[in-house]
Amino acid sequence: MKDHVLVSIRLLVVFTLLLGFAYPAAVWAVGRVAFRSAAGGSFVTHDGKVVGSELLGQAVASPGLFRPRPSAAGAGYDATASGGSNLGPTSKALAERVAAEVARARAENPGARGPVPADAVTASGSGLDPHVSPEFALWQVSRVSRESGIPAAELEALVAKRTEGRFLGLFGEPRVNVLLLNLDVLSRRPSEGGGEPPPR
């Protein structure tokens, strides 16, 4: 009995040191060295100020910038309340929400052609997705061009430049980071005061 207790205590100590300290420290060290930006939050700066993270979506109010997809995280884009709406495909509330988003998107983008992209009217599972589909980004070009004064062809080139492919060529879908795209837009329409405010 005594031998079993001693062995159990030794195993507890060894595994606590190994899995409670050594392994987390190794993962942290690899992250800080090999993936320094992502491990640090992937913060994005504009004019020397942090304006967001490449990993988190945020609301955008300016009509001259690209919109992200809707958010169901808390009151919207709340990183402390990440999550989806949990409404199923037969939910009346979800149908009403999507219908309202379709109406809003069409009213905001009267020059947009074709059907409203799905990610323009539905939230992601986290509510914090920083990406939109290239189709949704291109669907917004006419509005952004009208409001910003940037030619549509130039905005389409920016969307193409910011389009990320599938991970390892296999996983996920092509996507566009909205924050980085909006910073590209801002860099092409500086104000007289030395630059416009960051995307909001």
N, C-alpha and C. Protein backbone atom coordinates (compact mmCIF):
# COMPACT_ATOMS: atom_id res chain seq x y z
N MET A 1 0.83 -1.20 0.00
CA MET A 1 0.00 0.00 0.00
C MET A 1 0.87 1.25 0.00
N LYS A 2 1.87 1.24 0.88
CA LYS A 2 2.77 2.38 0.99
C LYS A 2 3.49 2.62 -0.32
N ASP A 3 3.93 1.54 -0.98
CA ASP A 3 4.64 1.67 -2.25
C ASP A 3 3.75 2.31 -3.32
N HIS A 4 2.48 1.91 -3.34
CA HIS A 4 1.56 2.48 -4.32
C HIS A 4 1.35 3.97 -4.10
N VAL A 5 1.27 4.37 -2.85
CA VAL A 5 1.08 5.79 -2.53
C VAL A 5 2.30 6.59 -2.97
N LEU A 6 3.50 6.08 -2.68
CA LEU A 6 4.73 6.78 -3.07
C LEU A 6 4.85 6.90 -4.59
N VAL A 7 4.51 5.83 -5.29
CA VAL A 7 4.55 5.86 -6.76
C VAL A 7 3.56 6.90 -7.29
N SER A 8 2.38 6.94 -6.72
CA SER A 8 1.36 7.89 -7.14
C SER A 8 1.81 9.33 -6.91
N ILE A 9 2.45 9.57 -5.77
CA ILE A 9 2.94 10.92 -5.47
C ILE A 9 4.03 11.32 -6.45
N ARG A 10 4.94 10.37 -6.74
CA ARG A 10 6.02 10.66 -7.70
C ARG A 10 5.45 10.98 -9.08
N LEU A 11 4.48 10.18 -9.52
CA LEU A 11 3.86 10.43 -10.82
C LEU A 11 3.14 11.77 -10.85
N LEU A 12 2.48 12.12 -9.75
CA LEU A 12 1.80 13.41 -9.66
C LEU A 12 2.79 14.55 -9.83
N VAL A 13 3.93 14.45 -9.13
CA VAL A 13 4.95 15.51 -9.20
C VAL A 13 5.53 15.58 -10.61
N VAL A 14 5.90 14.42 -11.17
CA VAL A 14 6.51 14.40 -12.50
C VAL A 14 5.57 14.97 -13.56
N PHE A 15 4.32 14.52 -13.56
CA PHE A 15 3.38 14.99 -14.57
C PHE A 15 2.97 16.45 -14.35
N THR A 16 2.96 16.88 -13.09
CA THR A 16 2.67 18.29 -12.83
C THR A 16 3.78 19.16 -13.41
N LEU A 17 5.04 18.76 -13.18
CA LEU A 17 6.17 19.52 -13.73
C LEU A 17 6.19 19.47 -15.25
N LEU A 18 5.91 18.27 -15.79
CA LEU A 18 5.98 18.08 -17.24
C LEU A 18 4.84 18.78 -17.97
N LEU A 19 3.61 18.50 -17.55
CA LEU A 19 2.45 19.02 -18.26
C LEU A 19 1.94 20.35 -17.73
N GLY A 20 2.27 20.66 -16.49
CA GLY A 20 1.81 21.92 -15.91
C GLY A 20 2.78 23.06 -16.11
N PHE A 21 4.07 22.75 -16.31
CA PHE A 21 5.07 23.80 -16.44
C PHE A 21 5.90 23.67 -17.71
N ALA A 22 6.54 22.52 -17.93
CA ALA A 22 7.46 22.37 -19.06
C ALA A 22 6.75 22.49 -20.41
N TYR A 23 5.65 21.76 -20.58
CA TYR A 23 4.94 21.80 -21.86
C TYR A 23 4.37 23.19 -22.17
N PRO A 24 3.64 23.83 -21.24
CA PRO A 24 3.15 25.18 -21.52
C PRO A 24 4.29 26.16 -21.81
N ALA A 25 5.40 26.03 -21.09
CA ALA A 25 6.53 26.93 -21.33
C ALA A 25 7.10 26.72 -22.73
N ALA A 26 7.19 25.46 -23.16
CA ALA A 26 7.71 25.17 -24.50
C ALA A 26 6.79 25.71 -25.58
N VAL A 27 5.48 25.53 -25.41
CA VAL A 27 4.52 26.05 -26.39
C VAL A 27 4.59 27.56 -26.45
N TRP A 28 4.67 28.20 -25.29
CA TRP A 28 4.78 29.66 -25.23
C TRP A 28 6.04 30.14 -25.94
N ALA A 29 7.17 29.46 -25.68
CA ALA A 29 8.44 29.86 -26.30
C ALA A 29 8.40 29.70 -27.82
N VAL A 30 7.85 28.59 -28.29
CA VAL A 30 7.75 28.38 -29.74
C VAL A 30 6.86 29.45 -30.37
N GLY A 31 5.75 29.75 -29.71
CA GLY A 31 4.85 30.78 -30.22
C GLY A 31 5.52 32.14 -30.29
N ARG A 32 6.26 32.51 -29.25
CA ARG A 32 6.91 33.82 -29.22
C ARG A 32 8.03 33.93 -30.24
N VAL A 33 8.68 32.80 -30.56
CA VAL A 33 9.79 32.83 -31.51
C VAL A 33 9.32 32.63 -32.95
N ALA A 34 8.54 31.58 -33.19
CA ALA A 34 8.14 31.24 -34.55
C ALA A 34 6.91 32.02 -35.04
N PHE A 35 6.03 32.43 -34.12
CA PHE A 35 4.81 33.13 -34.50
C PHE A 35 4.65 34.39 -33.65
N ARG A 36 5.67 35.21 -33.67
CA ARG A 36 5.74 36.36 -32.76
C ARG A 36 4.52 37.28 -32.87
N SER A 37 4.12 37.61 -34.09
CA SER A 37 3.01 38.54 -34.27
C SER A 37 1.69 37.95 -33.78
N ALA A 38 1.40 36.71 -34.19
CA ALA A 38 0.14 36.08 -33.79
C ALA A 38 0.10 35.86 -32.28
N ALA A 39 1.22 35.44 -31.69
CA ALA A 39 1.25 35.20 -30.24
C ALA A 39 1.08 36.50 -29.46
N GLY A 40 1.44 37.62 -30.09
CA GLY A 40 1.31 38.91 -29.42
C GLY A 40 -0.03 39.59 -29.67
N GLY A 41 -0.93 38.93 -30.39
CA GLY A 41 -2.25 39.49 -30.64
C GLY A 41 -2.48 39.98 -32.05
N SER A 42 -1.45 39.93 -32.91
CA SER A 42 -1.56 40.39 -34.30
C SER A 42 -2.13 41.80 -34.39
N PHE A 43 -1.63 42.68 -33.52
CA PHE A 43 -2.13 44.05 -33.52
C PHE A 43 -1.70 44.79 -34.78
N VAL A 44 -2.59 45.69 -35.24
CA VAL A 44 -2.35 46.48 -36.44
C VAL A 44 -2.29 47.94 -36.02
N THR A 45 -1.29 48.67 -36.52
CA THR A 45 -1.14 50.08 -36.17
C THR A 45 -1.41 50.96 -37.38
N HIS A 46 -1.87 52.17 -37.10
CA HIS A 46 -2.13 53.18 -38.13
C HIS A 46 -1.70 54.51 -37.54
N ASP A 47 -0.76 55.17 -38.20
CA ASP A 47 -0.20 56.43 -37.69
C ASP A 47 0.32 56.27 -36.26
N GLY A 48 0.96 55.14 -35.98
CA GLY A 48 1.57 54.90 -34.69
C GLY A 48 0.62 54.47 -33.59
N LYS A 49 -0.65 54.28 -33.91
CA LYS A 49 -1.63 53.86 -32.90
C LYS A 49 -2.20 52.49 -33.26
N VAL A 50 -2.45 51.68 -32.24
CA VAL A 50 -3.08 50.38 -32.47
C VAL A 50 -4.54 50.62 -32.81
N VAL A 51 -4.98 50.10 -33.97
CA VAL A 51 -6.36 50.31 -34.42
C VAL A 51 -7.16 49.01 -34.44
N GLY A 52 -6.54 47.90 -34.10
CA GLY A 52 -7.26 46.64 -34.09
C GLY A 52 -6.31 45.47 -34.19
N SER A 53 -6.88 44.31 -34.43
CA SER A 53 -6.12 43.08 -34.59
C SER A 53 -6.52 42.41 -35.88
N GLU A 54 -5.55 41.78 -36.54
CA GLU A 54 -5.85 41.02 -37.75
C GLU A 54 -6.77 39.83 -37.45
N LEU A 55 -6.87 39.45 -36.18
CA LEU A 55 -7.61 38.25 -35.80
C LEU A 55 -9.03 38.51 -35.34
N LEU A 56 -9.40 39.79 -35.13
CA LEU A 56 -10.72 40.12 -34.59
C LEU A 56 -11.44 41.13 -35.47
N GLY A 57 -12.69 40.83 -35.79
CA GLY A 57 -13.49 41.78 -36.53
C GLY A 57 -13.93 42.92 -35.64
N GLN A 58 -14.26 44.04 -36.27
CA GLN A 58 -14.76 45.19 -35.52
C GLN A 58 -15.75 45.95 -36.39
N ALA A 59 -16.62 46.70 -35.73
CA ALA A 59 -17.63 47.46 -36.45
C ALA A 59 -16.98 48.56 -37.29
N VAL A 60 -17.57 48.85 -38.44
CA VAL A 60 -17.10 49.93 -39.31
C VAL A 60 -18.30 50.80 -39.65
N ALA A 61 -18.24 52.09 -39.30
CA ALA A 61 -19.38 52.98 -39.50
C ALA A 61 -19.22 53.87 -40.73
N SER A 62 -17.99 54.19 -41.11
CA SER A 62 -17.77 55.12 -42.23
C SER A 62 -18.31 54.55 -43.54
N PRO A 63 -19.13 55.32 -44.28
CA PRO A 63 -19.67 54.82 -45.54
C PRO A 63 -18.61 54.64 -46.62
N GLY A 64 -17.45 55.26 -46.44
CA GLY A 64 -16.39 55.16 -47.43
C GLY A 64 -15.43 54.02 -47.17
N LEU A 65 -15.81 53.09 -46.30
CA LEU A 65 -14.97 51.93 -46.00
C LEU A 65 -15.77 50.64 -46.17
N PHE A 66 -15.06 49.55 -46.27
CA PHE A 66 -15.71 48.25 -46.43
C PHE A 66 -16.29 47.77 -45.10
N ARG A 67 -17.44 47.14 -45.16
CA ARG A 67 -18.12 46.62 -43.98
C ARG A 67 -17.70 45.18 -43.72
N PRO A 68 -17.62 44.79 -42.44
CA PRO A 68 -17.43 43.38 -42.11
C PRO A 68 -18.78 42.68 -42.13
N ARG A 69 -18.79 41.39 -41.85
CA ARG A 69 -20.07 40.70 -41.75
C ARG A 69 -20.72 41.03 -40.41
N PRO A 70 -22.02 40.86 -40.26
CA PRO A 70 -22.69 41.17 -38.99
C PRO A 70 -22.10 40.34 -37.85
N SER A 71 -22.32 40.83 -36.63
CA SER A 71 -21.80 40.13 -35.45
C SER A 71 -22.92 39.86 -34.45
N ALA A 72 -22.88 38.65 -33.87
CA ALA A 72 -23.82 38.29 -32.81
C ALA A 72 -23.10 38.17 -31.48
N ALA A 73 -21.87 38.69 -31.40
CA ALA A 73 -21.08 38.62 -30.17
C ALA A 73 -21.48 39.75 -29.23
N GLY A 74 -22.19 39.42 -28.17
CA GLY A 74 -22.64 40.44 -27.22
C GLY A 74 -23.53 41.45 -27.94
N ALA A 75 -23.20 42.73 -27.79
CA ALA A 75 -23.93 43.79 -28.49
C ALA A 75 -23.38 43.99 -29.90
N GLY A 76 -22.44 43.13 -30.29
CA GLY A 76 -21.81 43.22 -31.61
C GLY A 76 -20.33 43.45 -31.49
N TYR A 77 -19.53 42.53 -32.05
CA TYR A 77 -18.07 42.64 -32.06
C TYR A 77 -17.49 42.77 -30.65
N ASP A 78 -18.10 42.12 -29.70
CA ASP A 78 -17.63 42.16 -28.31
C ASP A 78 -16.72 40.96 -28.07
N ALA A 79 -15.42 41.23 -27.96
CA ALA A 79 -14.44 40.14 -27.81
C ALA A 79 -14.59 39.40 -26.49
N THR A 80 -15.30 39.99 -25.53
CA THR A 80 -15.51 39.30 -24.26
C THR A 80 -16.75 38.41 -24.28
N ALA A 81 -17.49 38.45 -25.39
CA ALA A 81 -18.71 37.66 -25.48
C ALA A 81 -18.79 36.96 -26.83
N SER A 82 -17.67 36.38 -27.24
CA SER A 82 -17.62 35.71 -28.54
C SER A 82 -18.65 34.60 -28.63
N GLY A 83 -19.34 34.56 -29.76
CA GLY A 83 -20.32 33.50 -29.96
C GLY A 83 -21.29 33.85 -31.07
N GLY A 84 -21.99 32.84 -31.55
CA GLY A 84 -22.99 33.04 -32.58
C GLY A 84 -24.34 33.32 -31.97
N SER A 85 -25.36 33.42 -32.83
CA SER A 85 -26.70 33.72 -32.34
C SER A 85 -27.39 32.48 -31.78
N ASN A 86 -26.89 31.28 -32.14
CA ASN A 86 -27.51 30.01 -31.74
C ASN A 86 -28.92 29.85 -32.28
N LEU A 87 -29.24 30.57 -33.35
CA LEU A 87 -30.55 30.43 -33.98
C LEU A 87 -30.44 29.43 -35.12
N GLY A 88 -31.35 28.47 -35.15
CA GLY A 88 -31.32 27.42 -36.17
C GLY A 88 -31.93 27.86 -37.49
N PRO A 89 -31.78 27.05 -38.54
CA PRO A 89 -32.26 27.43 -39.87
C PRO A 89 -33.79 27.57 -39.95
N THR A 90 -34.52 27.00 -39.01
CA THR A 90 -35.98 27.14 -39.02
C THR A 90 -36.47 28.25 -38.10
N SER A 91 -35.53 29.00 -37.52
CA SER A 91 -35.89 30.05 -36.56
C SER A 91 -36.52 31.26 -37.26
N LYS A 92 -37.67 31.68 -36.79
CA LYS A 92 -38.33 32.88 -37.33
C LYS A 92 -37.50 34.12 -37.03
N ALA A 93 -36.90 34.16 -35.84
CA ALA A 93 -36.06 35.31 -35.47
C ALA A 93 -34.87 35.44 -36.42
N LEU A 94 -34.26 34.30 -36.79
CA LEU A 94 -33.13 34.34 -37.72
C LEU A 94 -33.60 34.83 -39.09
N ALA A 95 -34.74 34.33 -39.56
CA ALA A 95 -35.26 34.75 -40.86
C ALA A 95 -35.53 36.25 -40.88
N GLU A 96 -36.10 36.77 -39.79
CA GLU A 96 -36.38 38.20 -39.71
C GLU A 96 -35.09 39.01 -39.66
N ARG A 97 -34.10 38.49 -38.93
CA ARG A 97 -32.82 39.19 -38.84
C ARG A 97 -32.14 39.25 -40.21
N VAL A 98 -32.13 38.12 -40.92
CA VAL A 98 -31.51 38.08 -42.24
C VAL A 98 -32.24 39.01 -43.21
N ALA A 99 -33.56 39.00 -43.16
CA ALA A 99 -34.34 39.89 -44.03
C ALA A 99 -34.02 41.36 -43.75
N ALA A 100 -33.87 41.70 -42.48
CA ALA A 100 -33.52 43.08 -42.13
C ALA A 100 -32.12 43.43 -42.62
N GLU A 101 -31.20 42.48 -42.51
CA GLU A 101 -29.83 42.72 -42.98
C GLU A 101 -29.79 42.87 -44.51
N VAL A 102 -30.59 42.07 -45.21
CA VAL A 102 -30.66 42.19 -46.67
C VAL A 102 -31.17 43.57 -47.06
N ALA A 103 -32.22 44.03 -46.40
CA ALA A 103 -32.78 45.35 -46.69
C ALA A 103 -31.76 46.45 -46.40
N ARG A 104 -31.06 46.33 -45.28
CA ARG A 104 -30.05 47.33 -44.93
C ARG A 104 -28.91 47.34 -45.95
N ALA A 105 -28.43 46.15 -46.32
CA ALA A 105 -27.32 46.05 -47.27
C ALA A 105 -27.70 46.63 -48.62
N ARG A 106 -28.92 46.34 -49.08
CA ARG A 106 -29.35 46.87 -50.38
C ARG A 106 -29.52 48.40 -50.33
N ALA A 107 -30.06 48.90 -49.22
CA ALA A 107 -30.24 50.35 -49.09
C ALA A 107 -28.89 51.07 -49.04
N GLU A 108 -27.92 50.44 -48.41
CA GLU A 108 -26.60 51.05 -48.26
C GLU A 108 -25.77 50.94 -49.53
N ASN A 109 -26.05 49.93 -50.35
CA ASN A 109 -25.27 49.68 -51.57
C ASN A 109 -26.19 49.65 -52.78
N PRO A 110 -26.81 50.78 -53.13
CA PRO A 110 -27.77 50.77 -54.24
C PRO A 110 -27.15 50.44 -55.59
N GLY A 111 -25.86 50.66 -55.74
CA GLY A 111 -25.22 50.39 -57.03
C GLY A 111 -24.66 48.99 -57.15
N ALA A 112 -24.81 48.18 -56.10
CA ALA A 112 -24.26 46.83 -56.12
C ALA A 112 -25.07 45.94 -57.04
N ARG A 113 -24.35 45.08 -57.78
CA ARG A 113 -25.02 44.19 -58.73
C ARG A 113 -25.09 42.78 -58.17
N GLY A 114 -26.12 42.06 -58.59
CA GLY A 114 -26.25 40.67 -58.21
C GLY A 114 -26.87 40.50 -56.83
N PRO A 115 -27.05 39.26 -56.43
CA PRO A 115 -27.65 38.98 -55.11
C PRO A 115 -26.74 39.40 -53.97
N VAL A 116 -27.33 39.64 -52.81
CA VAL A 116 -26.56 40.00 -51.62
C VAL A 116 -25.78 38.75 -51.17
N PRO A 117 -24.46 38.86 -51.02
CA PRO A 117 -23.68 37.69 -50.56
C PRO A 117 -24.14 37.22 -49.19
N ALA A 118 -24.06 35.93 -48.96
CA ALA A 118 -24.54 35.35 -47.69
C ALA A 118 -23.82 35.93 -46.49
N ASP A 119 -22.49 36.17 -46.59
CA ASP A 119 -21.78 36.68 -45.42
C ASP A 119 -22.04 38.15 -45.16
N ALA A 120 -22.80 38.81 -46.04
CA ALA A 120 -23.20 40.20 -45.79
C ALA A 120 -24.36 40.27 -44.81
N VAL A 121 -25.06 39.14 -44.62
CA VAL A 121 -26.28 39.17 -43.82
C VAL A 121 -26.30 38.12 -42.71
N THR A 122 -25.24 37.35 -42.57
CA THR A 122 -25.18 36.33 -41.52
C THR A 122 -23.90 36.50 -40.70
N ALA A 123 -24.01 36.24 -39.41
CA ALA A 123 -22.86 36.34 -38.51
C ALA A 123 -22.06 35.05 -38.55
N SER A 124 -20.79 35.15 -38.21
CA SER A 124 -19.95 33.96 -38.11
C SER A 124 -20.21 33.26 -36.78
N GLY A 125 -19.66 32.07 -36.62
CA GLY A 125 -19.85 31.32 -35.38
C GLY A 125 -19.29 32.03 -34.17
N SER A 126 -18.22 32.81 -34.36
CA SER A 126 -17.61 33.53 -33.23
C SER A 126 -18.18 34.92 -33.08
N GLY A 127 -18.74 35.47 -34.15
CA GLY A 127 -19.18 36.85 -34.13
C GLY A 127 -18.05 37.83 -34.26
N LEU A 128 -16.82 37.32 -34.43
CA LEU A 128 -15.63 38.17 -34.47
C LEU A 128 -14.76 37.90 -35.69
N ASP A 129 -15.33 37.29 -36.71
CA ASP A 129 -14.57 36.95 -37.91
C ASP A 129 -14.05 38.23 -38.56
N PRO A 130 -12.72 38.35 -38.73
CA PRO A 130 -12.18 39.57 -39.34
C PRO A 130 -12.24 39.57 -40.86
N HIS A 131 -12.70 38.47 -41.44
CA HIS A 131 -12.69 38.32 -42.90
C HIS A 131 -14.09 38.35 -43.50
N VAL A 132 -14.13 38.73 -44.78
CA VAL A 132 -15.33 38.56 -45.60
C VAL A 132 -14.92 37.83 -46.86
N SER A 133 -15.87 37.33 -47.59
CA SER A 133 -15.56 36.68 -48.86
C SER A 133 -15.15 37.74 -49.87
N PRO A 134 -14.33 37.37 -50.86
CA PRO A 134 -14.01 38.33 -51.93
C PRO A 134 -15.27 38.84 -52.62
N GLU A 135 -16.29 37.98 -52.73
CA GLU A 135 -17.54 38.38 -53.37
C GLU A 135 -18.21 39.52 -52.61
N PHE A 136 -18.23 39.42 -51.28
CA PHE A 136 -18.85 40.48 -50.47
C PHE A 136 -18.03 41.76 -50.57
N ALA A 137 -16.71 41.65 -50.55
CA ALA A 137 -15.87 42.84 -50.68
C ALA A 137 -16.12 43.52 -52.03
N LEU A 138 -16.14 42.75 -53.11
CA LEU A 138 -16.36 43.33 -54.44
C LEU A 138 -17.77 43.90 -54.56
N TRP A 139 -18.73 43.30 -53.88
CA TRP A 139 -20.11 43.78 -53.91
C TRP A 139 -20.22 45.18 -53.34
N GLN A 140 -19.30 45.57 -52.46
CA GLN A 140 -19.33 46.88 -51.81
C GLN A 140 -18.55 47.95 -52.56
N VAL A 141 -17.85 47.57 -53.62
CA VAL A 141 -16.93 48.49 -54.30
C VAL A 141 -17.62 49.75 -54.80
N SER A 142 -18.81 49.63 -55.36
CA SER A 142 -19.46 50.83 -55.92
C SER A 142 -19.72 51.88 -54.84
N ARG A 143 -20.17 51.44 -53.67
CA ARG A 143 -20.40 52.39 -52.57
C ARG A 143 -19.10 53.01 -52.08
N VAL A 144 -18.10 52.17 -51.83
CA VAL A 144 -16.83 52.69 -51.32
C VAL A 144 -16.20 53.63 -52.33
N SER A 145 -16.32 53.31 -53.62
CA SER A 145 -15.78 54.19 -54.66
C SER A 145 -16.49 55.54 -54.66
N ARG A 146 -17.82 55.51 -54.56
CA ARG A 146 -18.61 56.75 -54.56
C ARG A 146 -18.27 57.61 -53.35
N GLU A 147 -18.14 56.99 -52.17
CA GLU A 147 -17.93 57.75 -50.94
C GLU A 147 -16.48 58.20 -50.76
N SER A 148 -15.54 57.41 -51.25
CA SER A 148 -14.12 57.73 -51.04
C SER A 148 -13.49 58.48 -52.19
N GLY A 149 -14.11 58.39 -53.38
CA GLY A 149 -13.53 59.04 -54.55
C GLY A 149 -12.44 58.22 -55.22
N ILE A 150 -12.22 57.01 -54.73
CA ILE A 150 -11.21 56.12 -55.32
C ILE A 150 -11.86 55.35 -56.47
N PRO A 151 -11.23 55.30 -57.65
CA PRO A 151 -11.82 54.58 -58.78
C PRO A 151 -12.12 53.12 -58.43
N ALA A 152 -13.22 52.61 -58.97
CA ALA A 152 -13.63 51.24 -58.68
C ALA A 152 -12.56 50.24 -59.07
N ALA A 153 -11.89 50.48 -60.20
CA ALA A 153 -10.85 49.54 -60.65
C ALA A 153 -9.72 49.45 -59.63
N GLU A 154 -9.39 50.57 -59.00
CA GLU A 154 -8.33 50.56 -57.99
C GLU A 154 -8.77 49.81 -56.74
N LEU A 155 -10.03 49.98 -56.36
CA LEU A 155 -10.55 49.25 -55.20
C LEU A 155 -10.60 47.75 -55.48
N GLU A 156 -10.98 47.38 -56.69
CA GLU A 156 -11.00 45.96 -57.05
C GLU A 156 -9.59 45.37 -56.99
N ALA A 157 -8.60 46.16 -57.37
CA ALA A 157 -7.21 45.70 -57.29
C ALA A 157 -6.78 45.53 -55.83
N LEU A 158 -7.26 46.41 -54.96
CA LEU A 158 -6.95 46.29 -53.54
C LEU A 158 -7.57 45.02 -52.97
N VAL A 159 -8.81 44.74 -53.37
CA VAL A 159 -9.47 43.51 -52.90
C VAL A 159 -8.68 42.29 -53.36
N ALA A 160 -8.26 42.30 -54.61
CA ALA A 160 -7.48 41.17 -55.13
C ALA A 160 -6.17 41.01 -54.38
N LYS A 161 -5.55 42.14 -54.06
CA LYS A 161 -4.27 42.10 -53.33
C LYS A 161 -4.44 41.53 -51.93
N ARG A 162 -5.56 41.84 -51.29
CA ARG A 162 -5.81 41.40 -49.91
C ARG A 162 -6.52 40.05 -49.82
N THR A 163 -6.83 39.44 -50.94
CA THR A 163 -7.50 38.14 -50.91
C THR A 163 -6.50 37.04 -50.54
N GLU A 164 -6.81 36.34 -49.46
CA GLU A 164 -5.98 35.23 -48.99
C GLU A 164 -6.58 33.93 -49.50
N GLY A 165 -5.72 33.01 -49.94
CA GLY A 165 -6.20 31.74 -50.46
C GLY A 165 -6.51 30.74 -49.36
N ARG A 166 -6.87 29.55 -49.76
CA ARG A 166 -7.14 28.48 -48.80
C ARG A 166 -5.87 28.10 -48.06
N PHE A 167 -5.99 27.73 -46.79
CA PHE A 167 -4.85 27.30 -45.99
C PHE A 167 -4.28 26.02 -46.59
N LEU A 168 -2.99 26.04 -46.90
CA LEU A 168 -2.30 24.92 -47.54
C LEU A 168 -2.93 24.55 -48.88
N GLY A 169 -3.69 25.48 -49.45
CA GLY A 169 -4.33 25.24 -50.72
C GLY A 169 -5.54 24.32 -50.64
N LEU A 170 -5.90 23.89 -49.43
CA LEU A 170 -6.97 22.90 -49.27
C LEU A 170 -8.10 23.32 -48.34
N PHE A 171 -7.75 23.97 -47.24
CA PHE A 171 -8.71 24.19 -46.17
C PHE A 171 -9.26 25.61 -46.17
N GLY A 172 -10.55 25.71 -45.87
CA GLY A 172 -11.20 27.01 -45.79
C GLY A 172 -11.57 27.55 -47.16
N GLU A 173 -11.89 28.83 -47.19
CA GLU A 173 -12.29 29.50 -48.42
C GLU A 173 -11.45 30.76 -48.60
N PRO A 174 -11.33 31.26 -49.83
CA PRO A 174 -10.65 32.55 -50.03
C PRO A 174 -11.34 33.62 -49.20
N ARG A 175 -10.56 34.54 -48.67
CA ARG A 175 -11.11 35.53 -47.75
C ARG A 175 -10.31 36.83 -47.83
N VAL A 176 -10.93 37.90 -47.33
CA VAL A 176 -10.31 39.23 -47.34
C VAL A 176 -10.38 39.79 -45.93
N ASN A 177 -9.25 40.23 -45.40
CA ASN A 177 -9.22 40.84 -44.07
C ASN A 177 -9.73 42.28 -44.19
N VAL A 178 -10.85 42.57 -43.54
CA VAL A 178 -11.52 43.87 -43.70
C VAL A 178 -10.67 45.01 -43.13
N LEU A 179 -10.05 44.81 -41.99
CA LEU A 179 -9.25 45.88 -41.37
C LEU A 179 -8.08 46.26 -42.28
N LEU A 180 -7.35 45.27 -42.78
CA LEU A 180 -6.21 45.57 -43.65
C LEU A 180 -6.66 46.21 -44.95
N LEU A 181 -7.79 45.76 -45.49
CA LEU A 181 -8.32 46.37 -46.72
C LEU A 181 -8.70 47.82 -46.48
N ASN A 182 -9.33 48.11 -45.36
CA ASN A 182 -9.73 49.48 -45.06
C ASN A 182 -8.53 50.39 -44.84
N LEU A 183 -7.47 49.86 -44.26
CA LEU A 183 -6.26 50.67 -44.11
C LEU A 183 -5.65 50.98 -45.47
N ASP A 184 -5.75 50.05 -46.41
CA ASP A 184 -5.30 50.32 -47.78
C ASP A 184 -6.13 51.45 -48.39
N VAL A 185 -7.45 51.41 -48.14
CA VAL A 185 -8.33 52.46 -48.66
C VAL A 185 -7.93 53.82 -48.06
N LEU A 186 -7.72 53.85 -46.76
CA LEU A 186 -7.34 55.11 -46.09
C LEU A 186 -6.02 55.65 -46.62
N SER A 187 -5.10 54.76 -46.94
CA SER A 187 -3.79 55.21 -47.42
C SER A 187 -3.88 55.87 -48.78
N ARG A 188 -4.98 55.65 -49.49
CA ARG A 188 -5.16 56.23 -50.82
C ARG A 188 -6.06 57.45 -50.81
N ARG A 189 -6.55 57.83 -49.65
CA ARG A 189 -7.36 59.05 -49.59
C ARG A 189 -7.00 59.86 -48.34
N PRO A 190 -5.73 60.33 -48.25
CA PRO A 190 -5.33 61.10 -47.07
C PRO A 190 -6.09 62.42 -47.00
N SER A 191 -6.41 62.81 -45.78
CA SER A 191 -7.09 64.09 -45.57
C SER A 191 -6.05 65.20 -45.50
N GLU A 192 -6.53 66.43 -45.51
CA GLU A 192 -5.62 67.57 -45.43
C GLU A 192 -4.90 67.63 -44.10
N GLY A 193 -5.49 67.02 -43.07
CA GLY A 193 -4.89 67.08 -41.76
C GLY A 193 -3.86 66.00 -41.50
N GLY A 194 -3.45 65.28 -42.54
CA GLY A 194 -2.38 64.30 -42.34
C GLY A 194 -2.87 62.89 -42.16
N GLY A 195 -4.02 62.57 -42.76
CA GLY A 195 -4.50 61.18 -42.66
C GLY A 195 -5.85 61.11 -41.98
N GLU A 196 -6.63 60.17 -42.39
CA GLU A 196 -7.96 60.01 -41.80
C GLU A 196 -7.89 59.14 -40.57
N PRO A 197 -8.94 59.18 -39.76
CA PRO A 197 -8.95 58.31 -38.57
C PRO A 197 -8.99 56.85 -38.98
N PRO A 198 -8.59 55.97 -38.08
CA PRO A 198 -8.61 54.56 -38.39
C PRO A 198 -10.01 54.04 -38.63
N PRO A 199 -10.12 52.85 -39.25
CA PRO A 199 -11.43 52.30 -39.57
C PRO A 199 -12.33 52.17 -38.36
N ARG A 200 -13.55 52.67 -38.45
CA ARG A 200 -14.55 52.52 -37.39
C ARG A 200 -15.92 52.51 -38.04
